[in-house]
């Protein structure tokens, strides 16, 4: 799995609580979004995103291009 648009999420190493993981954050405001782990399905890239539900907005997947455009528009400089 992967972000719908690579311009939206940043990653940094997180070694808190004696764990080694990757923190995912908003590239615009820096807000913590969750973590990504390298133990996901190998046939889908091997990544497992564990994203906080408070940072999600459900968009029905009727048209992937339309959803991607909404995400990009949300993060575009105002």
N, C-alpha and C. Protein backbone atom coordinates (compact mmCIF):
# COMPACT_ATOMS: atom_id res chain seq x y z
N UNK A 1 0.83 -1.18 0.00
CA UNK A 1 0.00 0.00 0.00
C UNK A 1 0.88 1.25 0.00
N UNK A 2 0.27 2.37 -0.32
CA UNK A 2 1.02 3.63 -0.40
C UNK A 2 0.05 4.79 -0.27
N UNK A 3 0.57 5.97 0.04
CA UNK A 3 -0.31 7.14 0.08
C UNK A 3 -0.91 7.39 -1.30
N UNK A 4 -2.09 7.99 -1.34
CA UNK A 4 -2.74 8.27 -2.62
C UNK A 4 -1.94 9.29 -3.42
N UNK A 5 -1.19 10.15 -2.74
CA UNK A 5 -0.33 11.14 -3.41
C UNK A 5 0.90 11.35 -2.53
N UNK A 6 2.08 11.16 -3.10
CA UNK A 6 3.33 11.23 -2.31
C UNK A 6 3.62 12.61 -1.76
N UNK A 7 2.93 13.64 -2.24
CA UNK A 7 3.17 15.00 -1.74
C UNK A 7 2.47 15.28 -0.42
N UNK A 8 1.66 14.35 0.07
CA UNK A 8 0.86 14.62 1.25
C UNK A 8 1.48 14.15 2.56
N UNK A 9 2.22 13.06 2.54
CA UNK A 9 2.77 12.49 3.77
C UNK A 9 4.28 12.49 3.77
N UNK A 10 4.84 12.82 4.93
CA UNK A 10 6.27 12.72 5.15
C UNK A 10 6.54 11.58 6.12
N UNK A 11 7.77 11.14 6.16
CA UNK A 11 8.15 10.04 7.06
C UNK A 11 9.41 10.41 7.81
N UNK A 12 9.50 9.93 9.05
CA UNK A 12 10.74 10.07 9.81
C UNK A 12 10.87 8.89 10.76
N UNK A 13 12.10 8.56 11.08
CA UNK A 13 12.38 7.42 11.95
C UNK A 13 11.89 7.73 13.36
N UNK A 14 11.26 6.76 13.99
CA UNK A 14 10.73 6.91 15.35
C UNK A 14 11.24 5.74 16.18
N UNK A 15 12.05 6.03 17.18
CA UNK A 15 12.61 4.99 18.04
C UNK A 15 12.09 5.11 19.48
N UNK A 16 10.94 5.73 19.65
CA UNK A 16 10.36 5.89 20.98
C UNK A 16 9.85 4.55 21.53
N UNK A 17 9.78 4.47 22.85
CA UNK A 17 9.26 3.30 23.56
C UNK A 17 10.01 2.01 23.21
N UNK A 18 11.29 2.13 22.88
CA UNK A 18 12.11 0.96 22.59
C UNK A 18 11.77 0.26 21.28
N UNK A 19 11.02 0.93 20.42
CA UNK A 19 10.61 0.34 19.14
C UNK A 19 11.32 1.05 17.99
N UNK A 20 11.44 0.37 16.87
CA UNK A 20 11.96 0.99 15.65
C UNK A 20 10.83 0.97 14.62
N UNK A 21 10.39 2.16 14.24
CA UNK A 21 9.29 2.27 13.29
C UNK A 21 9.41 3.58 12.54
N UNK A 22 8.52 3.81 11.61
CA UNK A 22 8.54 5.03 10.81
C UNK A 22 7.26 5.81 11.12
N UNK A 23 7.44 7.06 11.56
CA UNK A 23 6.29 7.93 11.81
C UNK A 23 5.85 8.56 10.50
N UNK A 24 4.55 8.67 10.31
CA UNK A 24 3.98 9.33 9.14
C UNK A 24 3.37 10.64 9.63
N UNK A 25 3.69 11.74 8.92
CA UNK A 25 3.17 13.05 9.31
C UNK A 25 2.72 13.84 8.07
N UNK A 26 1.88 14.83 8.30
CA UNK A 26 1.40 15.71 7.24
C UNK A 26 2.55 16.59 6.78
N UNK A 27 2.79 16.64 5.47
CA UNK A 27 3.86 17.48 4.93
C UNK A 27 3.52 18.97 5.02
N UNK A 28 2.25 19.30 5.17
CA UNK A 28 1.85 20.71 5.23
C UNK A 28 1.99 21.26 6.64
N UNK A 29 1.38 20.59 7.62
CA UNK A 29 1.36 21.14 8.98
C UNK A 29 2.22 20.36 9.97
N UNK A 30 2.72 19.18 9.58
CA UNK A 30 3.58 18.39 10.46
C UNK A 30 2.83 17.52 11.45
N UNK A 31 1.50 17.51 11.41
CA UNK A 31 0.72 16.73 12.37
C UNK A 31 0.97 15.23 12.22
N UNK A 32 1.08 14.56 13.36
CA UNK A 32 1.28 13.11 13.40
C UNK A 32 0.04 12.42 12.82
N UNK A 33 0.27 11.49 11.89
CA UNK A 33 -0.83 10.76 11.25
C UNK A 33 -0.87 9.30 11.67
N UNK A 34 0.28 8.75 12.07
CA UNK A 34 0.35 7.34 12.45
C UNK A 34 1.74 6.80 12.17
N UNK A 35 1.81 5.50 11.85
CA UNK A 35 3.09 4.84 11.59
C UNK A 35 2.95 3.92 10.38
N UNK A 36 4.09 3.61 9.78
CA UNK A 36 4.13 2.64 8.70
C UNK A 36 5.13 1.56 9.11
N UNK A 37 4.75 0.31 8.91
CA UNK A 37 5.57 -0.83 9.28
C UNK A 37 5.90 -1.63 8.03
N UNK A 38 7.01 -2.37 8.09
CA UNK A 38 7.46 -3.14 6.94
C UNK A 38 7.07 -4.61 7.04
N UNK A 39 5.91 -4.87 7.63
CA UNK A 39 5.45 -6.26 7.77
C UNK A 39 4.12 -6.49 7.06
N UNK A 40 3.84 -5.67 6.06
CA UNK A 40 2.60 -5.82 5.29
C UNK A 40 2.71 -6.90 4.24
N UNK A 41 1.66 -7.10 3.48
CA UNK A 41 1.64 -8.14 2.44
C UNK A 41 2.73 -7.90 1.39
N UNK A 42 3.56 -8.90 1.17
CA UNK A 42 4.68 -8.74 0.23
C UNK A 42 4.20 -8.51 -1.20
N UNK A 43 3.04 -9.05 -1.56
CA UNK A 43 2.53 -8.87 -2.92
C UNK A 43 1.98 -7.46 -3.14
N UNK A 44 1.92 -6.65 -2.08
CA UNK A 44 1.43 -5.27 -2.18
C UNK A 44 2.49 -4.27 -1.72
N UNK A 45 3.74 -4.67 -1.78
CA UNK A 45 4.82 -3.75 -1.45
C UNK A 45 5.41 -3.94 -0.07
N UNK A 46 4.79 -4.73 0.78
CA UNK A 46 5.35 -5.04 2.09
C UNK A 46 5.12 -3.99 3.17
N UNK A 47 4.39 -2.93 2.88
CA UNK A 47 4.16 -1.89 3.88
C UNK A 47 2.76 -2.00 4.48
N UNK A 48 2.68 -1.67 5.77
CA UNK A 48 1.39 -1.65 6.47
C UNK A 48 1.26 -0.29 7.14
N UNK A 49 0.32 0.50 6.69
CA UNK A 49 0.08 1.82 7.27
C UNK A 49 -0.91 1.69 8.42
N UNK A 50 -0.53 2.22 9.57
CA UNK A 50 -1.36 2.22 10.77
C UNK A 50 -1.67 3.70 11.06
N UNK A 51 -2.74 4.20 10.45
CA UNK A 51 -3.06 5.63 10.49
C UNK A 51 -4.13 5.89 11.54
N UNK A 52 -3.95 6.96 12.32
CA UNK A 52 -4.91 7.33 13.35
C UNK A 52 -6.25 7.70 12.70
N UNK A 53 -7.33 7.16 13.24
CA UNK A 53 -8.64 7.39 12.64
C UNK A 53 -9.04 8.86 12.64
N UNK A 54 -8.57 9.64 13.59
CA UNK A 54 -8.92 11.06 13.65
C UNK A 54 -8.36 11.83 12.46
N UNK A 55 -7.37 11.27 11.78
CA UNK A 55 -6.77 11.97 10.64
C UNK A 55 -7.31 11.48 9.30
N UNK A 56 -8.36 10.66 9.33
CA UNK A 56 -8.92 10.13 8.09
C UNK A 56 -10.24 10.81 7.74
N UNK A 57 -10.46 10.95 6.46
CA UNK A 57 -11.73 11.43 5.93
C UNK A 57 -12.16 10.41 4.88
N UNK A 58 -13.29 9.77 5.08
CA UNK A 58 -13.75 8.74 4.15
C UNK A 58 -14.23 9.38 2.85
N UNK A 59 -13.70 8.89 1.74
CA UNK A 59 -14.15 9.28 0.41
C UNK A 59 -14.46 7.99 -0.35
N UNK A 60 -15.72 7.77 -0.73
CA UNK A 60 -16.04 6.56 -1.48
C UNK A 60 -15.20 6.48 -2.76
N UNK A 61 -14.71 5.31 -3.05
CA UNK A 61 -13.83 5.14 -4.21
C UNK A 61 -14.66 4.87 -5.46
N UNK A 62 -15.28 5.92 -5.97
CA UNK A 62 -16.02 5.81 -7.23
C UNK A 62 -15.09 6.07 -8.40
N UNK A 63 -14.19 7.02 -8.23
CA UNK A 63 -13.28 7.42 -9.30
C UNK A 63 -11.96 7.82 -8.66
N UNK A 64 -10.94 6.98 -8.81
CA UNK A 64 -9.65 7.23 -8.16
C UNK A 64 -9.05 8.57 -8.56
N UNK A 65 -9.19 8.96 -9.81
CA UNK A 65 -8.65 10.25 -10.25
C UNK A 65 -9.35 11.41 -9.53
N UNK A 66 -10.65 11.28 -9.31
CA UNK A 66 -11.40 12.32 -8.61
C UNK A 66 -10.96 12.42 -7.15
N UNK A 67 -10.78 11.28 -6.49
CA UNK A 67 -10.32 11.26 -5.09
C UNK A 67 -8.93 11.86 -5.00
N UNK A 68 -8.04 11.46 -5.91
CA UNK A 68 -6.67 11.99 -5.92
C UNK A 68 -6.69 13.51 -6.09
N UNK A 69 -7.52 14.03 -6.97
CA UNK A 69 -7.62 15.48 -7.19
C UNK A 69 -8.09 16.19 -5.93
N UNK A 70 -9.02 15.58 -5.18
CA UNK A 70 -9.49 16.17 -3.92
C UNK A 70 -8.36 16.23 -2.90
N UNK A 71 -7.58 15.17 -2.81
CA UNK A 71 -6.46 15.14 -1.86
C UNK A 71 -5.44 16.20 -2.22
N UNK A 72 -5.06 16.28 -3.48
CA UNK A 72 -4.08 17.27 -3.91
C UNK A 72 -4.60 18.68 -3.68
N UNK A 73 -5.88 18.93 -3.96
CA UNK A 73 -6.46 20.26 -3.75
C UNK A 73 -6.44 20.63 -2.27
N UNK A 74 -6.68 19.67 -1.39
CA UNK A 74 -6.68 19.93 0.05
C UNK A 74 -5.31 20.40 0.51
N UNK A 75 -4.25 19.80 -0.02
CA UNK A 75 -2.89 20.12 0.41
C UNK A 75 -2.25 21.26 -0.37
N UNK A 76 -2.90 21.73 -1.41
CA UNK A 76 -2.33 22.81 -2.23
C UNK A 76 -2.23 24.08 -1.40
N UNK A 77 -1.15 24.85 -1.60
CA UNK A 77 -1.01 26.12 -0.87
C UNK A 77 -2.22 27.01 -1.12
N UNK A 78 -2.69 27.64 -0.08
CA UNK A 78 -3.87 28.51 -0.19
C UNK A 78 -3.43 29.96 -0.38
